[in-house]
């Protein structure tokens, strides 16, 4: 503790508070996002975006770059399309029959 801070200082008296919990969005950001979505809806929604994409393709692509996730998680070299029926009675038999082969060996377990 430095010399300027009293031992029993309270929050708001020179001592910072705990801050926003992790995962809680900024209130201003949430408010602005809702305003933008409301304006988009009033302008015609998806049809408006289509018109703007044709009229201003560079701006539209910039928008896409901002909203599409930038990080892909997973093994992109392995392609798998699942077309399987839902389990009926015995889930273990269903898993044995329809589970895809493992793409990576399982890590060794400590015993």
C-alpha atoms as a PDB file:
ATOM      1  CA  UNK A   1       0.000   0.000   0.000  1.00  0.00           C
ATOM      2  CA  UNK A   2       1.482   3.368  -0.903  1.00  0.00           C
ATOM      3  CA  UNK A   3       1.727   6.303   1.512  1.00  0.00           C
ATOM      4  CA  UNK A   4      -1.141   8.232  -0.103  1.00  0.00           C
ATOM      5  CA  UNK A   5      -3.721   5.464   0.421  1.00  0.00           C
ATOM      6  CA  UNK A   6      -5.277   5.126   3.860  1.00  0.00           C
ATOM      7  CA  UNK A   7      -5.625   1.620   5.285  1.00  0.00           C
ATOM      8  CA  UNK A   8      -9.423   1.771   5.543  1.00  0.00           C
ATOM      9  CA  UNK A   9     -10.120   3.697   2.313  1.00  0.00           C
ATOM     10  CA  UNK A  10     -13.596   3.112   0.883  1.00  0.00           C
ATOM     11  CA  UNK A  11     -14.576   2.642  -2.761  1.00  0.00           C
ATOM     12  CA  UNK A  12     -15.066   6.078  -4.291  1.00  0.00           C
ATOM     13  CA  UNK A  13     -12.535   7.674  -1.977  1.00  0.00           C
ATOM     14  CA  UNK A  14      -9.435   7.151  -4.130  1.00  0.00           C
ATOM     15  CA  UNK A  15      -9.791   3.357  -4.210  1.00  0.00           C
ATOM     16  CA  UNK A  16     -11.010   1.748  -7.458  1.00  0.00           C
ATOM     17  CA  UNK A  17     -14.094  -0.462  -7.390  1.00  0.00           C
ATOM     18  CA  UNK A  18     -14.296  -4.067  -8.528  1.00  0.00           C
ATOM     19  CA  UNK A  19     -15.273  -3.095 -12.077  1.00  0.00           C
ATOM     20  CA  UNK A  20     -17.625  -4.880 -14.433  1.00  0.00           C
ATOM     21  CA  UNK A  21     -17.750  -8.682 -14.037  1.00  0.00           C
ATOM     22  CA  UNK A  22     -16.249 -10.696 -16.928  1.00  0.00           C
ATOM     23  CA  UNK A  23     -18.697 -11.392 -19.741  1.00  0.00           C
ATOM     24  CA  UNK A  24     -21.061  -8.517 -18.920  1.00  0.00           C
ATOM     25  CA  UNK A  25     -21.364  -6.249 -21.974  1.00  0.00           C
ATOM     26  CA  UNK A  26     -20.809  -2.514 -21.742  1.00  0.00           C
ATOM     27  CA  UNK A  27     -24.205  -0.783 -21.285  1.00  0.00           C
ATOM     28  CA  UNK A  28     -23.412   1.924 -23.835  1.00  0.00           C
ATOM     29  CA  UNK A  29     -22.377  -0.665 -26.434  1.00  0.00           C
ATOM     30  CA  UNK A  30     -25.602  -2.636 -25.846  1.00  0.00           C
ATOM     31  CA  UNK A  31     -27.716   0.516 -26.136  1.00  0.00           C
ATOM     32  CA  UNK A  32     -26.051   1.624 -29.374  1.00  0.00           C
ATOM     33  CA  UNK A  33     -26.386  -1.892 -30.822  1.00  0.00           C
ATOM     34  CA  UNK A  34     -30.124  -1.921 -30.072  1.00  0.00           C
ATOM     35  CA  UNK A  35     -30.511   1.539 -31.662  1.00  0.00           C
ATOM     36  CA  UNK A  36     -28.693   0.418 -34.833  1.00  0.00           C
ATOM     37  CA  UNK A  37     -30.798  -2.751 -35.081  1.00  0.00           C
ATOM     38  CA  UNK A  38     -33.984  -0.698 -34.587  1.00  0.00           C
ATOM     39  CA  UNK A  39     -32.943   1.718 -37.339  1.00  0.00           C
ATOM     40  CA  UNK A  40     -32.115  -1.207 -39.645  1.00  0.00           C
ATOM     41  CA  UNK A  41     -35.556  -2.701 -39.049  1.00  0.00           C
ATOM     42  CA  UNK A  42     -37.266   0.638 -39.825  1.00  0.00           C
ATOM     43  CA  UNK A  43     -35.239   0.973 -43.059  1.00  0.00           C
ATOM     44  CA  UNK A  44     -36.410  -2.381 -44.372  1.00  0.00           C
ATOM     45  CA  UNK A  45     -34.196  -4.943 -42.638  1.00  0.00           C
ATOM     46  CA  UNK A  46     -32.678  -7.550 -44.921  1.00  0.00           C
ATOM     47  CA  UNK A  47     -34.022  -5.950 -48.115  1.00  0.00           C
ATOM     48  CA  UNK A  48     -32.300  -2.682 -47.152  1.00  0.00           C
ATOM     49  CA  UNK A  49     -29.015  -4.503 -46.547  1.00  0.00           C
ATOM     50  CA  UNK A  50     -29.294  -6.154 -49.971  1.00  0.00           C
ATOM     51  CA  UNK A  51     -29.805  -2.773 -51.651  1.00  0.00           C
ATOM     52  CA  UNK A  52     -26.841  -1.294 -49.796  1.00  0.00           C
ATOM     53  CA  UNK A  53     -24.661  -4.314 -50.690  1.00  0.00           C
ATOM     54  CA  UNK A  54     -25.331  -3.650 -54.389  1.00  0.00           C
ATOM     55  CA  UNK A  55     -24.945   0.124 -54.102  1.00  0.00           C
ATOM     56  CA  UNK A  56     -21.929   0.173 -51.730  1.00  0.00           C
ATOM     57  CA  UNK A  57     -20.196  -3.237 -51.904  1.00  0.00           C
ATOM     58  CA  UNK A  58     -16.992  -2.066 -50.204  1.00  0.00           C
ATOM     59  CA  UNK A  59     -18.857  -0.732 -47.169  1.00  0.00           C
ATOM     60  CA  UNK A  60     -20.966  -3.904 -47.033  1.00  0.00           C
ATOM     61  CA  UNK A  61     -17.882  -6.129 -47.082  1.00  0.00           C
ATOM     62  CA  UNK A  62     -16.368  -4.023 -44.281  1.00  0.00           C
ATOM     63  CA  UNK A  63     -19.533  -4.641 -42.266  1.00  0.00           C
ATOM     64  CA  UNK A  64     -19.268  -8.382 -42.909  1.00  0.00           C
ATOM     65  CA  UNK A  65     -15.661  -8.342 -41.775  1.00  0.00           C
ATOM     66  CA  UNK A  66     -16.738  -6.781 -38.485  1.00  0.00           C
ATOM     67  CA  UNK A  67     -19.544  -9.203 -37.673  1.00  0.00           C
ATOM     68  CA  UNK A  68     -18.209 -12.557 -38.921  1.00  0.00           C
ATOM     69  CA  UNK A  69     -16.032 -14.327 -36.339  1.00  0.00           C
ATOM     70  CA  UNK A  70     -12.340 -13.964 -37.067  1.00  0.00           C
ATOM     71  CA  UNK A  71     -11.191 -17.146 -35.359  1.00  0.00           C
ATOM     72  CA  UNK A  72     -12.095 -20.614 -36.579  1.00  0.00           C
ATOM     73  CA  UNK A  73     -11.741 -23.393 -34.051  1.00  0.00           C
ATOM     74  CA  UNK A  74     -11.415 -26.960 -35.200  1.00  0.00           C
ATOM     75  CA  UNK A  75      -9.660 -29.149 -37.721  1.00  0.00           C
ATOM     76  CA  UNK A  76     -10.436 -27.627 -41.125  1.00  0.00           C
ATOM     77  CA  UNK A  77      -8.712 -30.456 -43.020  1.00  0.00           C
ATOM     78  CA  UNK A  78     -11.326 -32.974 -41.887  1.00  0.00           C
ATOM     79  CA  UNK A  79     -14.700 -32.747 -43.599  1.00  0.00           C
ATOM     80  CA  UNK A  80     -17.629 -34.559 -42.080  1.00  0.00           C
ATOM     81  CA  UNK A  81     -21.305 -34.211 -42.897  1.00  0.00           C
ATOM     82  CA  UNK A  82     -23.565 -35.984 -40.434  1.00  0.00           C
ATOM     83  CA  UNK A  83     -26.645 -37.663 -41.856  1.00  0.00           C
ATOM     84  CA  UNK A  84     -27.779 -40.018 -39.153  1.00  0.00           C
ATOM     85  CA  UNK A  85     -31.124 -40.901 -37.616  1.00  0.00           C
ATOM     86  CA  UNK A  86     -31.835 -39.931 -34.006  1.00  0.00           C
ATOM     87  CA  UNK A  87     -31.284 -42.598 -31.308  1.00  0.00           C
ATOM     88  CA  UNK A  88     -34.219 -44.899 -30.712  1.00  0.00           C
ATOM     89  CA  UNK A  89     -33.822 -47.016 -27.589  1.00  0.00           C
ATOM     90  CA  UNK A  90     -30.247 -48.114 -26.906  1.00  0.00           C
ATOM     91  CA  UNK A  91     -27.988 -45.072 -27.034  1.00  0.00           C
ATOM     92  CA  UNK A  92     -24.771 -47.111 -26.701  1.00  0.00           C
ATOM     93  CA  UNK A  93     -25.577 -49.182 -29.803  1.00  0.00           C
ATOM     94  CA  UNK A  94     -26.481 -46.018 -31.685  1.00  0.00           C
ATOM     95  CA  UNK A  95     -23.166 -44.366 -30.721  1.00  0.00           C
ATOM     96  CA  UNK A  96     -21.206 -47.463 -31.762  1.00  0.00           C
ATOM     97  CA  UNK A  97     -22.952 -47.546 -35.123  1.00  0.00           C
ATOM     98  CA  UNK A  98     -22.978 -43.820 -36.017  1.00  0.00           C
ATOM     99  CA  UNK A  99     -20.117 -42.119 -34.149  1.00  0.00           C
ATOM    100  CA  UNK A 100     -17.498 -40.736 -36.541  1.00  0.00           C
ATOM    101  CA  UNK A 101     -13.981 -42.121 -36.294  1.00  0.00           C
ATOM    102  CA  UNK A 102     -11.697 -40.044 -34.071  1.00  0.00           C
ATOM    103  CA  UNK A 103      -9.669 -37.437 -35.943  1.00  0.00           C
ATOM    104  CA  UNK A 104      -6.930 -37.204 -33.315  1.00  0.00           C
ATOM    105  CA  UNK A 105      -5.662 -39.737 -30.791  1.00  0.00           C
ATOM    106  CA  UNK A 106      -6.923 -39.172 -27.271  1.00  0.00           C
ATOM    107  CA  UNK A 107      -4.329 -37.845 -24.814  1.00  0.00           C
ATOM    108  CA  UNK A 108      -3.007 -40.378 -22.315  1.00  0.00           C
ATOM    109  CA  UNK A 109      -4.740 -40.384 -18.962  1.00  0.00           C
ATOM    110  CA  UNK A 110      -2.890 -40.173 -15.670  1.00  0.00           C
ATOM    111  CA  UNK A 111      -3.667 -42.960 -13.212  1.00  0.00           C
END
